[in-house]
Amino acid sequence: VGPPAAPVAMAYDAATRTCKCPVGVADCIDADAKKSTLATKFRLTLDSTRAAIRFYNLGAAVSSATVESLLFLDTLIDVAADCRNFANRTQCNALANLCVLAMYDAAAAACKLYRGIVDERKAQEYHSS
């Protein structure tokens, strides 16, 4: 599996002040397409729960807690898509670090995405020097 053939970036529409895919271009990568592709490929629900970080074994009074991370909410999809689609080493490292921040929780979206992307491609493609 290699990177897609030269995807087209979105264009800024000054009238609506938003970025949009050019009309009639099939290979455009927008936020919805990234999210949909990742969710389908790795069988994940990438809604607001992607930002959930769970902490376990916190002590006698509180056994666990869940917090919502703005960092995960804002960056996870773009980081994972760039890692998968372009084998971008910086983005792959960022995705791995998001998994670390999720305390290596196998149920966390960041860890599922990282493991899935590594499994999808040869590990040395992401980790060779």
Foldseek 3Di string as FASTA:
>chain_A
DAADDDADEWDQDPVVRDTHRPPPGPRYDDLVNLQVVLCVQLVHDPDQCLQWAKDACPDDVDGIDIDGDPCRVPPVSVLLSCCQRHVPLVSLVVLVVVCVVSVVPCPRPSNSSSVSSCVVDPVCSNVPD
